[in-house]
Amino acid sequence: MVVPEHVAQQAPTPFVLAVGRADDGAAAARKPVCIVKSGRSEAGARAAASHTASLAGAWPAFEAICRRWGVYLFETIYDLLQGAQLLQRGKRVESRGVAVTSGSGGAGALLADAL
């Protein structure tokens, strides 16, 4: 059993953090899967392949699969941990859209541009 499968089966675990592989166990337990993946750039893919001898590339395909399955995909470990904290505090939103709230119209517009 790999770590994400084991963690997904633990009742008090509110979400699953994965670096690399997510699985059906978390989906069956209706727990969000949060992933940060190395090897997104050409240089990063070369570095990951030399370290693990695995295929780390194909970023667009990986991203599309994550979107299809509702996986939360993060760019950095810091973002992953911040996202996990937010998921732990709130209810899961069953939407593929994004809501932007701001005390400043300009900041909201800038955030919308970034999305």
PDB file of N, CA and C in Angstrom:
ATOM      1  N   MET A   1       0.853  -1.173   0.000  1.00  0.00           N
ATOM      2  CA  MET A   1       0.000   0.000   0.000  1.00  0.00           C
ATOM      3  C   MET A   1       0.899   1.236   0.000  1.00  0.00           C
ATOM      4  N   VAL A   2       0.622   2.176  -0.892  1.00  0.00           N
ATOM      5  CA  VAL A   2       1.397   3.410  -0.921  1.00  0.00           C
ATOM      6  C   VAL A   2       0.816   4.404   0.070  1.00  0.00           C
ATOM      7  N   VAL A   3       1.601   5.396   0.419  1.00  0.00           N
ATOM      8  CA  VAL A   3       1.197   6.349   1.459  1.00  0.00           C
ATOM      9  C   VAL A   3      -0.140   7.019   1.169  1.00  0.00           C
ATOM     10  N   PRO A   4      -0.394   7.573  -0.051  1.00  0.00           N
ATOM     11  CA  PRO A   4      -1.705   8.209  -0.263  1.00  0.00           C
ATOM     12  C   PRO A   4      -2.876   7.253  -0.045  1.00  0.00           C
ATOM     13  N   GLU A   5      -2.715   5.968  -0.429  1.00  0.00           N
ATOM     14  CA  GLU A   5      -3.797   5.003  -0.208  1.00  0.00           C
ATOM     15  C   GLU A   5      -4.049   4.806   1.284  1.00  0.00           C
ATOM     16  N   HIS A   6      -2.981   4.665   2.050  1.00  0.00           N
ATOM     17  CA  HIS A   6      -3.109   4.471   3.497  1.00  0.00           C
ATOM     18  C   HIS A   6      -3.752   5.691   4.161  1.00  0.00           C
ATOM     19  N   VAL A   7      -3.265   6.867   3.807  1.00  0.00           N
ATOM     20  CA  VAL A   7      -3.782   8.099   4.407  1.00  0.00           C
ATOM     21  C   VAL A   7      -5.250   8.289   4.067  1.00  0.00           C
ATOM     22  N   ALA A   8      -5.636   7.964   2.845  1.00  0.00           N
ATOM     23  CA  ALA A   8      -7.029   8.137   2.428  1.00  0.00           C
ATOM     24  C   ALA A   8      -7.980   7.284   3.255  1.00  0.00           C
ATOM     25  N   GLN A   9      -7.494   6.158   3.772  1.00  0.00           N
ATOM     26  CA  GLN A   9      -8.344   5.257   4.549  1.00  0.00           C
ATOM     27  C   GLN A   9      -8.472   5.670   6.011  1.00  0.00           C
ATOM     28  N   GLN A  10      -7.692   6.616   6.465  1.00  0.00           N
ATOM     29  CA  GLN A  10      -7.729   7.044   7.862  1.00  0.00           C
ATOM     30  C   GLN A  10      -8.888   8.020   8.067  1.00  0.00           C
ATOM     31  N   ALA A  11      -9.816   7.683   8.921  1.00  0.00           N
ATOM     32  CA  ALA A  11     -11.038   8.468   9.121  1.00  0.00           C
ATOM     33  C   ALA A  11     -10.802   9.930   9.484  1.00  0.00           C
ATOM     34  N   PRO A  12      -9.897  10.277  10.413  1.00  0.00           N
ATOM     35  CA  PRO A  12      -9.785  11.686  10.790  1.00  0.00           C
ATOM     36  C   PRO A  12      -9.044  12.556   9.776  1.00  0.00           C
ATOM     37  N   THR A  13      -8.471  11.959   8.743  1.00  0.00           N
ATOM     38  CA  THR A  13      -7.709  12.733   7.769  1.00  0.00           C
ATOM     39  C   THR A  13      -8.663  13.501   6.865  1.00  0.00           C
ATOM     40  N   PRO A  14      -8.635  14.863   6.878  1.00  0.00           N
ATOM     41  CA  PRO A  14      -9.590  15.633   6.094  1.00  0.00           C
ATOM     42  C   PRO A  14      -9.225  15.764   4.621  1.00  0.00           C
ATOM     43  N   PHE A  15      -7.964  15.513   4.260  1.00  0.00           N
ATOM     44  CA  PHE A  15      -7.528  15.638   2.870  1.00  0.00           C
ATOM     45  C   PHE A  15      -6.274  14.805   2.695  1.00  0.00           C
ATOM     46  N   VAL A  16      -5.861  14.616   1.455  1.00  0.00           N
ATOM     47  CA  VAL A  16      -4.667  13.837   1.159  1.00  0.00           C
ATOM     48  C   VAL A  16      -3.680  14.735   0.433  1.00  0.00           C
ATOM     49  N   LEU A  17      -2.466  14.836   0.984  1.00  0.00           N
ATOM     50  CA  LEU A  17      -1.390  15.553   0.313  1.00  0.00           C
ATOM     51  C   LEU A  17      -0.570  14.522  -0.437  1.00  0.00           C
ATOM     52  N   ALA A  18      -0.284  14.777  -1.688  1.00  0.00           N
ATOM     53  CA  ALA A  18       0.508  13.829  -2.461  1.00  0.00           C
ATOM     54  C   ALA A  18       1.567  14.574  -3.249  1.00  0.00           C
ATOM     55  N   VAL A  19       2.737  14.016  -3.280  1.00  0.00           N
ATOM     56  CA  VAL A  19       3.794  14.550  -4.129  1.00  0.00           C
ATOM     57  C   VAL A  19       4.072  13.456  -5.134  1.00  0.00           C
ATOM     58  N   GLY A  20       3.444  13.559  -6.288  1.00  0.00           N
ATOM     59  CA  GLY A  20       3.637  12.544  -7.315  1.00  0.00           C
ATOM     60  C   GLY A  20       2.362  11.811  -7.663  1.00  0.00           C
ATOM     61  N   ARG A  21       1.923  10.869  -6.839  1.00  0.00           N
ATOM     62  CA  ARG A  21       0.830   9.986  -7.220  1.00  0.00           C
ATOM     63  C   ARG A  21      -0.378  10.125  -6.294  1.00  0.00           C
ATOM     64  N   ALA A  22      -1.528  10.317  -6.886  1.00  0.00           N
ATOM     65  CA  ALA A  22      -2.790  10.262  -6.146  1.00  0.00           C
ATOM     66  C   ALA A  22      -3.514   9.012  -6.633  1.00  0.00           C
ATOM     67  N   ASP A  23      -4.455   8.537  -5.903  1.00  0.00           N
ATOM     68  CA  ASP A  23      -5.098   7.292  -6.298  1.00  0.00           C
ATOM     69  C   ASP A  23      -6.596   7.315  -6.048  1.00  0.00           C
ATOM     70  N   ASP A  24      -7.227   6.183  -6.349  1.00  0.00           N
ATOM     71  CA  ASP A  24      -8.673   6.060  -6.202  1.00  0.00           C
ATOM     72  C   ASP A  24      -9.114   5.981  -4.749  1.00  0.00           C
ATOM     73  N   GLY A  25      -8.219   5.644  -3.829  1.00  0.00           N
ATOM     74  CA  GLY A  25      -8.589   5.525  -2.421  1.00  0.00           C
ATOM     75  C   GLY A  25      -9.122   6.820  -1.857  1.00  0.00           C
ATOM     76  N   ALA A  26      -8.473   7.923  -2.182  1.00  0.00           N
ATOM     77  CA  ALA A  26      -8.924   9.228  -1.695  1.00  0.00           C
ATOM     78  C   ALA A  26     -10.263   9.595  -2.316  1.00  0.00           C
ATOM     79  N   ALA A  27     -10.425   9.300  -3.597  1.00  0.00           N
ATOM     80  CA  ALA A  27     -11.692   9.604  -4.268  1.00  0.00           C
ATOM     81  C   ALA A  27     -12.821   8.787  -3.655  1.00  0.00           C
ATOM     82  N   ALA A  28     -12.558   7.526  -3.384  1.00  0.00           N
ATOM     83  CA  ALA A  28     -13.584   6.670  -2.787  1.00  0.00           C
ATOM     84  C   ALA A  28     -13.966   7.159  -1.400  1.00  0.00           C
ATOM     85  N   ALA A  29     -13.007   7.724  -0.684  1.00  0.00           N
ATOM     86  CA  ALA A  29     -13.273   8.237   0.660  1.00  0.00           C
ATOM     87  C   ALA A  29     -13.805   9.667   0.621  1.00  0.00           C
ATOM     88  N   ARG A  30     -13.974  10.220  -0.583  1.00  0.00           N
ATOM     89  CA  ARG A  30     -14.450  11.591  -0.803  1.00  0.00           C
ATOM     90  C   ARG A  30     -13.578  12.605  -0.073  1.00  0.00           C
ATOM     91  N   LYS A  31     -12.274  12.411  -0.170  1.00  0.00           N
ATOM     92  CA  LYS A  31     -11.317  13.347   0.411  1.00  0.00           C
ATOM     93  C   LYS A  31     -10.587  14.040  -0.724  1.00  0.00           C
ATOM     94  N   PRO A  32     -10.439  15.351  -0.639  1.00  0.00           N
ATOM     95  CA  PRO A  32      -9.722  16.069  -1.691  1.00  0.00           C
ATOM     96  C   PRO A  32      -8.272  15.601  -1.775  1.00  0.00           C
ATOM     97  N   VAL A  33      -7.754  15.565  -2.981  1.00  0.00           N
ATOM     98  CA  VAL A  33      -6.358  15.214  -3.206  1.00  0.00           C
ATOM     99  C   VAL A  33      -5.615  16.481  -3.601  1.00  0.00           C
ATOM    100  N   CYS A  34      -4.519  16.764  -2.899  1.00  0.00           N
ATOM    101  CA  CYS A  34      -3.692  17.945  -3.153  1.00  0.00           C
ATOM    102  C   CYS A  34      -2.323  17.479  -3.622  1.00  0.00           C
ATOM    103  N   ILE A  35      -1.884  17.984  -4.762  1.00  0.00           N
ATOM    104  CA  ILE A  35      -0.622  17.530  -5.342  1.00  0.00           C
ATOM    105  C   ILE A  35       0.262  18.710  -5.706  1.00  0.00           C
ATOM    106  N   VAL A  36       1.557  18.545  -5.477  1.00  0.00           N
ATOM    107  CA  VAL A  36       2.570  19.411  -6.072  1.00  0.00           C
ATOM    108  C   VAL A  36       3.490  18.458  -6.828  1.00  0.00           C
ATOM    109  N   LYS A  37       3.745  18.754  -8.094  1.00  0.00           N
ATOM    110  CA  LYS A  37       4.503  17.843  -8.947  1.00  0.00           C
ATOM    111  C   LYS A  37       5.764  18.525  -9.440  1.00  0.00           C
ATOM    112  N   SER A  38       6.870  17.836  -9.303  1.00  0.00           N
ATOM    113  CA  SER A  38       8.119  18.356  -9.858  1.00  0.00           C
ATOM    114  C   SER A  38       8.198  17.980 -11.333  1.00  0.00           C
ATOM    115  N   GLY A  39       9.154  18.560 -12.015  1.00  0.00           N
ATOM    116  CA  GLY A  39       9.378  18.210 -13.412  1.00  0.00           C
ATOM    117  C   GLY A  39       8.432  18.871 -14.382  1.00  0.00           C
ATOM    118  N   ARG A  40       7.906  20.047 -14.034  1.00  0.00           N
ATOM    119  CA  ARG A  40       6.984  20.739 -14.941  1.00  0.00           C
ATOM    120  C   ARG A  40       7.718  21.385 -16.103  1.00  0.00           C
ATOM    121  N   SER A  41       8.910  21.893 -15.853  1.00  0.00           N
ATOM    122  CA  SER A  41       9.690  22.513 -16.930  1.00  0.00           C
ATOM    123  C   SER A  41      10.588  21.453 -17.568  1.00  0.00           C
ATOM    124  N   GLU A  42      11.167  21.788 -18.695  1.00  0.00           N
ATOM    125  CA  GLU A  42      12.076  20.856 -19.362  1.00  0.00           C
ATOM    126  C   GLU A  42      13.272  20.529 -18.463  1.00  0.00           C
ATOM    127  N   ALA A  43      13.843  21.566 -17.839  1.00  0.00           N
ATOM    128  CA  ALA A  43      14.988  21.360 -16.948  1.00  0.00           C
ATOM    129  C   ALA A  43      14.583  20.538 -15.724  1.00  0.00           C
ATOM    130  N   GLY A  44      13.411  20.834 -15.170  1.00  0.00           N
ATOM    131  CA  GLY A  44      12.930  20.084 -14.015  1.00  0.00           C
ATOM    132  C   GLY A  44      12.654  18.628 -14.352  1.00  0.00           C
ATOM    133  N   ALA A  45      12.114  18.379 -15.546  1.00  0.00           N
ATOM    134  CA  ALA A  45      11.855  17.003 -15.980  1.00  0.00           C
ATOM    135  C   ALA A  45      13.165  16.231 -16.115  1.00  0.00           C
ATOM    136  N   ARG A  46      14.196  16.885 -16.660  1.00  0.00           N
ATOM    137  CA  ARG A  46      15.509  16.227 -16.777  1.00  0.00           C
ATOM    138  C   ARG A  46      16.070  15.907 -15.392  1.00  0.00           C
ATOM    139  N   ALA A  47      15.954  16.863 -14.477  1.00  0.00           N
ATOM    140  CA  ALA A  47      16.476  16.650 -13.123  1.00  0.00           C
ATOM    141  C   ALA A  47      15.728  15.518 -12.426  1.00  0.00           C
ATOM    142  N   ALA A  48      14.414  15.489 -12.546  1.00  0.00           N
ATOM    143  CA  ALA A  48      13.622  14.437 -11.906  1.00  0.00           C
ATOM    144  C   ALA A  48      13.935  13.075 -12.512  1.00  0.00           C
ATOM    145  N   ALA A  49      14.069  13.024 -13.828  1.00  0.00           N
ATOM    146  CA  ALA A  49      14.368  11.755 -14.494  1.00  0.00           C
ATOM    147  C   ALA A  49      15.736  11.235 -14.080  1.00  0.00           C
ATOM    148  N   SER A  50      16.700  12.131 -13.921  1.00  0.00           N
ATOM    149  CA  SER A  50      18.039  11.684 -13.525  1.00  0.00           C
ATOM    150  C   SER A  50      18.053  11.216 -12.074  1.00  0.00           C
ATOM    151  N   HIS A  51      17.159  11.724 -11.273  1.00  0.00           N
ATOM    152  CA  HIS A  51      17.123  11.361  -9.853  1.00  0.00           C
ATOM    153  C   HIS A  51      16.298  10.099  -9.609  1.00  0.00           C
ATOM    154  N   THR A  52      15.159  10.000 -10.250  1.00  0.00           N
ATOM    155  CA  THR A  52      14.237   8.894  -9.965  1.00  0.00           C
ATOM    156  C   THR A  52      14.129   7.885 -11.094  1.00  0.00           C
ATOM    157  N   ALA A  53      14.721   8.208 -12.234  1.00  0.00           N
ATOM    158  CA  ALA A  53      14.619   7.362 -13.429  1.00  0.00           C
ATOM    159  C   ALA A  53      13.162   7.176 -13.844  1.00  0.00           C
ATOM    160  N   SER A  54      12.342   8.167 -13.563  1.00  0.00           N
ATOM    161  CA  SER A  54      10.930   8.092 -13.936  1.00  0.00           C
ATOM    162  C   SER A  54      10.592   9.199 -14.916  1.00  0.00           C
ATOM    163  N   LEU A  55       9.474   9.061 -15.574  1.00  0.00           N
ATOM    164  CA  LEU A  55       9.007  10.085 -16.496  1.00  0.00           C
ATOM    165  C   LEU A  55       8.283  11.158 -15.702  1.00  0.00           C
ATOM    166  N   ALA A  56       8.858  12.328 -15.649  1.00  0.00           N
ATOM    167  CA  ALA A  56       8.256  13.408 -14.867  1.00  0.00           C
ATOM    168  C   ALA A  56       7.677  14.486 -15.761  1.00  0.00           C
ATOM    169  N   GLY A  57       7.842  14.365 -17.036  1.00  0.00           N
ATOM    170  CA  GLY A  57       7.410  15.396 -17.974  1.00  0.00           C
ATOM    171  C   GLY A  57       5.930  15.319 -18.271  1.00  0.00           C
ATOM    172  N   ALA A  58       5.555  15.709 -19.483  1.00  0.00           N
ATOM    173  CA  ALA A  58       4.168  15.699 -19.943  1.00  0.00           C
ATOM    174  C   ALA A  58       3.278  16.530 -19.025  1.00  0.00           C
ATOM    175  N   TRP A  59       3.751  17.722 -18.663  1.00  0.00           N
ATOM    176  CA  TRP A  59       3.004  18.595 -17.756  1.00  0.00           C
ATOM    177  C   TRP A  59       1.595  18.894 -18.246  1.00  0.00           C
ATOM    178  N   PRO A  60       1.381  19.272 -19.521  1.00  0.00           N
ATOM    179  CA  PRO A  60       0.006  19.572 -19.952  1.00  0.00           C
ATOM    180  C   PRO A  60      -0.948  18.387 -19.766  1.00  0.00           C
ATOM    181  N   ALA A  61      -0.471  17.188 -20.032  1.00  0.00           N
ATOM    182  CA  ALA A  61      -1.320  16.006 -19.855  1.00  0.00           C
ATOM    183  C   ALA A  61      -1.626  15.774 -18.378  1.00  0.00           C
ATOM    184  N   PHE A  62      -0.618  15.917 -17.538  1.00  0.00           N
ATOM    185  CA  PHE A  62      -0.812  15.734 -16.102  1.00  0.00           C
ATOM    186  C   PHE A  62      -1.805  16.757 -15.556  1.00  0.00           C
ATOM    187  N   GLU A  63      -1.646  18.009 -15.977  1.00  0.00           N
ATOM    188  CA  GLU A  63      -2.547  19.075 -15.531  1.00  0.00           C
ATOM    189  C   GLU A  63      -3.982  18.795 -15.973  1.00  0.00           C
ATOM    190  N   ALA A  64      -4.149  18.331 -17.206  1.00  0.00           N
ATOM    191  CA  ALA A  64      -5.491  18.025 -17.714  1.00  0.00           C
ATOM    192  C   ALA A  64      -6.141  16.892 -16.922  1.00  0.00           C
ATOM    193  N   ILE A  65      -5.362  15.882 -16.578  1.00  0.00           N
ATOM    194  CA  ILE A  65      -5.890  14.764 -15.785  1.00  0.00           C
ATOM    195  C   ILE A  65      -6.313  15.248 -14.401  1.00  0.00           C
ATOM    196  N   CYS A  66      -5.494  16.098 -13.797  1.00  0.00           N
ATOM    197  CA  CYS A  66      -5.838  16.635 -12.474  1.00  0.00           C
ATOM    198  C   CYS A  66      -7.132  17.441 -12.529  1.00  0.00           C
ATOM    199  N   ARG A  67      -7.270  18.263 -13.555  1.00  0.00           N
ATOM    200  CA  ARG A  67      -8.512  19.045 -13.696  1.00  0.00           C
ATOM    201  C   ARG A  67      -9.714  18.127 -13.878  1.00  0.00           C
ATOM    202  N   ARG A  68      -9.548  17.096 -14.691  1.00  0.00           N
ATOM    203  CA  ARG A  68     -10.641  16.165 -14.985  1.00  0.00           C
ATOM    204  C   ARG A  68     -11.136  15.478 -13.711  1.00  0.00           C
ATOM    205  N   TRP A  69     -10.212  15.123 -12.822  1.00  0.00           N
ATOM    206  CA  TRP A  69     -10.560  14.384 -11.617  1.00  0.00           C
ATOM    207  C   TRP A  69     -10.752  15.266 -10.398  1.00  0.00           C
ATOM    208  N   GLY A  70     -10.665  16.594 -10.568  1.00  0.00           N
ATOM    209  CA  GLY A  70     -10.906  17.503  -9.450  1.00  0.00           C
ATOM    210  C   GLY A  70      -9.792  17.533  -8.422  1.00  0.00           C
ATOM    211  N   VAL A  71      -8.577  17.207  -8.849  1.00  0.00           N
ATOM    212  CA  VAL A  71      -7.418  17.220  -7.958  1.00  0.00           C
ATOM    213  C   VAL A  71      -6.941  18.655  -7.795  1.00  0.00           C
ATOM    214  N   TYR A  72      -6.612  19.034  -6.586  1.00  0.00           N
ATOM    215  CA  TYR A  72      -6.056  20.359  -6.323  1.00  0.00           C
ATOM    216  C   TYR A  72      -4.565  20.308  -6.637  1.00  0.00           C
ATOM    217  N   LEU A  73      -4.149  21.057  -7.641  1.00  0.00           N
ATOM    218  CA  LEU A  73      -2.768  21.038  -8.114  1.00  0.00           C
ATOM    219  C   LEU A  73      -2.081  22.338  -7.726  1.00  0.00           C
ATOM    220  N   PHE A  74      -0.963  22.234  -7.026  1.00  0.00           N
ATOM    221  CA  PHE A  74      -0.236  23.404  -6.536  1.00  0.00           C
ATOM    222  C   PHE A  74       1.153  23.462  -7.147  1.00  0.00           C
ATOM    223  N   GLU A  75       1.702  24.679  -7.246  1.00  0.00           N
ATOM    224  CA  GLU A  75       3.007  24.874  -7.874  1.00  0.00           C
ATOM    225  C   GLU A  75       4.172  24.714  -6.910  1.00  0.00           C
ATOM    226  N   THR A  76       3.967  24.990  -5.623  1.00  0.00           N
ATOM    227  CA  THR A  76       5.056  24.911  -4.648  1.00  0.00           C
ATOM    228  C   THR A  76       4.585  24.175  -3.400  1.00  0.00           C
ATOM    229  N   ILE A  77       5.550  23.696  -2.619  1.00  0.00           N
ATOM    230  CA  ILE A  77       5.219  23.045  -1.347  1.00  0.00           C
ATOM    231  C   ILE A  77       4.482  24.033  -0.437  1.00  0.00           C
ATOM    232  N   TYR A  78       4.929  25.284  -0.431  1.00  0.00           N
ATOM    233  CA  TYR A  78       4.269  26.309   0.390  1.00  0.00           C
ATOM    234  C   TYR A  78       2.799  26.445  -0.013  1.00  0.00           C
ATOM    235  N   ASP A  79       2.532  26.555  -1.317  1.00  0.00           N
ATOM    236  CA  ASP A  79       1.149  26.666  -1.793  1.00  0.00           C
ATOM    237  C   ASP A  79       0.340  25.426  -1.424  1.00  0.00           C
ATOM    238  N   LEU A  80       0.962  24.263  -1.513  1.00  0.00           N
ATOM    239  CA  LEU A  80       0.300  23.013  -1.153  1.00  0.00           C
ATOM    240  C   LEU A  80      -0.150  23.034   0.304  1.00  0.00           C
ATOM    241  N   LEU A  81       0.741  23.457   1.179  1.00  0.00           N
ATOM    242  CA  LEU A  81       0.398  23.500   2.602  1.00  0.00           C
ATOM    243  C   LEU A  81      -0.656  24.558   2.901  1.00  0.00           C
ATOM    244  N   GLN A  82      -0.577  25.699   2.235  1.00  0.00           N
ATOM    245  CA  GLN A  82      -1.596  26.736   2.416  1.00  0.00           C
ATOM    246  C   GLN A  82      -2.957  26.237   1.929  1.00  0.00           C
ATOM    247  N   GLY A  83      -2.972  25.582   0.784  1.00  0.00           N
ATOM    248  CA  GLY A  83      -4.216  25.027   0.252  1.00  0.00           C
ATOM    249  C   GLY A  83      -4.809  23.983   1.179  1.00  0.00           C
ATOM    250  N   ALA A  84      -3.954  23.144   1.743  1.00  0.00           N
ATOM    251  CA  ALA A  84      -4.425  22.116   2.676  1.00  0.00           C
ATOM    252  C   ALA A  84      -5.051  22.748   3.913  1.00  0.00           C
ATOM    253  N   GLN A  85      -4.443  23.821   4.404  1.00  0.00           N
ATOM    254  CA  GLN A  85      -5.018  24.514   5.563  1.00  0.00           C
ATOM    255  C   GLN A  85      -6.397  25.067   5.234  1.00  0.00           C
ATOM    256  N   LEU A  86      -6.550  25.643   4.056  1.00  0.00           N
ATOM    257  CA  LEU A  86      -7.859  26.174   3.655  1.00  0.00           C
ATOM    258  C   LEU A  86      -8.889  25.059   3.535  1.00  0.00           C
ATOM    259  N   LEU A  87      -8.499  23.936   2.950  1.00  0.00           N
ATOM    260  CA  LEU A  87      -9.426  22.816   2.817  1.00  0.00           C
ATOM    261  C   LEU A  87      -9.837  22.264   4.175  1.00  0.00           C
ATOM    262  N   GLN A  88      -8.920  22.269   5.113  1.00  0.00           N
ATOM    263  CA  GLN A  88      -9.216  21.747   6.447  1.00  0.00           C
ATOM    264  C   GLN A  88     -10.212  22.640   7.185  1.00  0.00           C
ATOM    265  N   ARG A  89     -10.160  23.927   6.933  1.00  0.00           N
ATOM    266  CA  ARG A  89     -11.013  24.883   7.653  1.00  0.00           C
ATOM    267  C   ARG A  89     -12.415  25.011   7.085  1.00  0.00           C
ATOM    268  N   GLY A  90     -12.552  24.789   5.804  1.00  0.00           N
ATOM    269  CA  GLY A  90     -13.830  25.085   5.175  1.00  0.00           C
ATOM    270  C   GLY A  90     -14.494  23.873   4.569  1.00  0.00           C
ATOM    271  N   LYS A  91     -15.639  24.131   4.003  1.00  0.00           N
ATOM    272  CA  LYS A  91     -16.370  23.086   3.313  1.00  0.00           C
ATOM    273  C   LYS A  91     -15.878  23.028   1.874  1.00  0.00           C
ATOM    274  N   ARG A  92     -15.930  21.856   1.325  1.00  0.00           N
ATOM    275  CA  ARG A  92     -15.504  21.667  -0.055  1.00  0.00           C
ATOM    276  C   ARG A  92     -16.551  22.263  -0.992  1.00  0.00           C
ATOM    277  N   VAL A  93     -16.090  23.038  -1.938  1.00  0.00           N
ATOM    278  CA  VAL A  93     -16.978  23.669  -2.909  1.00  0.00           C
ATOM    279  C   VAL A  93     -17.103  22.752  -4.117  1.00  0.00           C
ATOM    280  N   GLU A  94     -18.310  22.405  -4.475  1.00  0.00           N
ATOM    281  CA  GLU A  94     -18.545  21.528  -5.618  1.00  0.00           C
ATOM    282  C   GLU A  94     -18.716  22.366  -6.876  1.00  0.00           C
ATOM    283  N   SER A  95     -17.672  23.054  -7.266  1.00  0.00           N
ATOM    284  CA  SER A  95     -17.721  23.902  -8.446  1.00  0.00           C
ATOM    285  C   SER A  95     -16.352  23.954  -9.086  1.00  0.00           C
ATOM    286  N   ARG A  96     -16.324  24.078 -10.382  1.00  0.00           N
ATOM    287  CA  ARG A  96     -15.052  24.227 -11.080  1.00  0.00           C
ATOM    288  C   ARG A  96     -14.720  25.705 -11.270  1.00  0.00           C
ATOM    289  N   GLY A  97     -15.600  26.594 -10.841  1.00  0.00           N
ATOM    290  CA  GLY A  97     -15.383  28.026 -10.980  1.00  0.00           C
ATOM    291  C   GLY A  97     -14.575  28.580  -9.824  1.00  0.00           C
ATOM    292  N   VAL A  98     -14.278  29.848  -9.904  1.00  0.00           N
ATOM    293  CA  VAL A  98     -13.517  30.537  -8.866  1.00  0.00           C
ATOM    294  C   VAL A  98     -14.289  31.774  -8.451  1.00  0.00           C
ATOM    295  N   ALA A  99     -14.348  32.030  -7.154  1.00  0.00           N
ATOM    296  CA  ALA A  99     -14.973  33.248  -6.643  1.00  0.00           C
ATOM    297  C   ALA A  99     -13.869  34.158  -6.129  1.00  0.00           C
ATOM    298  N   VAL A 100     -13.950  35.431  -6.455  1.00  0.00           N
ATOM    299  CA  VAL A 100     -12.968  36.411  -6.000  1.00  0.00           C
ATOM    300  C   VAL A 100     -13.694  37.425  -5.133  1.00  0.00           C
ATOM    301  N   THR A 101     -13.235  37.594  -3.899  1.00  0.00           N
ATOM    302  CA  THR A 101     -13.767  38.639  -3.033  1.00  0.00           C
ATOM    303  C   THR A 101     -12.616  39.546  -2.644  1.00  0.00           C
ATOM    304  N   SER A 102     -12.905  40.835  -2.572  1.00  0.00           N
ATOM    305  CA  SER A 102     -11.841  41.797  -2.286  1.00  0.00           C
ATOM    306  C   SER A 102     -12.449  43.068  -1.732  1.00  0.00           C
ATOM    307  N   GLY A 103     -11.696  43.734  -0.876  1.00  0.00           N
ATOM    308  CA  GLY A 103     -12.114  45.039  -0.377  1.00  0.00           C
ATOM    309  C   GLY A 103     -11.768  46.140  -1.364  1.00  0.00           C
ATOM    310  N   SER A 104     -11.078  45.780  -2.430  1.00  0.00           N
ATOM    311  CA  SER A 104     -10.645  46.747  -3.435  1.00  0.00           C
ATOM    312  C   SER A 104     -10.998  46.231  -4.821  1.00  0.00           C
ATOM    313  N   GLY A 105     -11.695  47.041  -5.585  1.00  0.00           N
ATOM    314  CA  GLY A 105     -12.042  46.646  -6.952  1.00  0.00           C
ATOM    315  C   GLY A 105     -10.812  46.391  -7.806  1.00  0.00           C
ATOM    316  N   GLY A 106      -9.778  47.213  -7.611  1.00  0.00           N
ATOM    317  CA  GLY A 106      -8.544  47.045  -8.380  1.00  0.00           C
ATOM    318  C   GLY A 106      -7.859  45.727  -8.067  1.00  0.00           C
ATOM    319  N   ALA A 107      -7.786  45.378  -6.778  1.00  0.00           N
ATOM    320  CA  ALA A 107      -7.155  44.116  -6.387  1.00  0.00           C
ATOM    321  C   ALA A 107      -7.947  42.928  -6.925  1.00  0.00           C
ATOM    322  N   GLY A 108      -9.267  43.031  -6.891  1.00  0.00           N
ATOM    323  CA  GLY A 108     -10.102  41.965  -7.433  1.00  0.00           C
ATOM    324  C   GLY A 108      -9.899  41.796  -8.928  1.00  0.00           C
ATOM    325  N   ALA A 109      -9.796  42.919  -9.647  1.00  0.00           N
ATOM    326  CA  ALA A 109      -9.565  42.859 -11.091  1.00  0.00           C
ATOM    327  C   ALA A 109      -8.193  42.263 -11.402  1.00  0.00           C
ATOM    328  N   LEU A 110      -7.180  42.628 -10.615  1.00  0.00           N
ATOM    329  CA  LEU A 110      -5.845  42.063 -10.823  1.00  0.00           C
ATOM    330  C   LEU A 110      -5.844  40.555 -10.578  1.00  0.00           C
ATOM    331  N   LEU A 111      -6.558  40.123  -9.540  1.00  0.00           N
ATOM    332  CA  LEU A 111      -6.639  38.698  -9.262  1.00  0.00           C
ATOM    333  C   LEU A 111      -7.377  37.970 -10.384  1.00  0.00           C
ATOM    334  N   ALA A 112      -8.460  38.554 -10.872  1.00  0.00           N
ATOM    335  CA  ALA A 112      -9.192  37.954 -11.985  1.00  0.00           C
ATOM    336  C   ALA A 112      -8.298  37.840 -13.217  1.00  0.00           C
ATOM    337  N   ASP A 113      -7.470  38.852 -13.461  1.00  0.00           N
ATOM    338  CA  ASP A 113      -6.530  38.796 -14.585  1.00  0.00           C
ATOM    339  C   ASP A 113      -5.538  37.656 -14.412  1.00  0.00           C
ATOM    340  N   ALA A 114      -5.083  37.436 -13.189  1.00  0.00           N
ATOM    341  CA  ALA A 114      -4.094  36.390 -12.923  1.00  0.00           C
ATOM    342  C   ALA A 114      -4.681  34.994 -13.085  1.00  0.00           C
ATOM    343  N   LEU A 115      -5.993  34.873 -12.888  1.00  0.00           N
ATOM    344  CA  LEU A 115      -6.635  33.564 -13.009  1.00  0.00           C
ATOM    345  C   LEU A 115      -6.905  33.260 -14.454  1.00  0.00           C
TER     346      LEU A 115
END
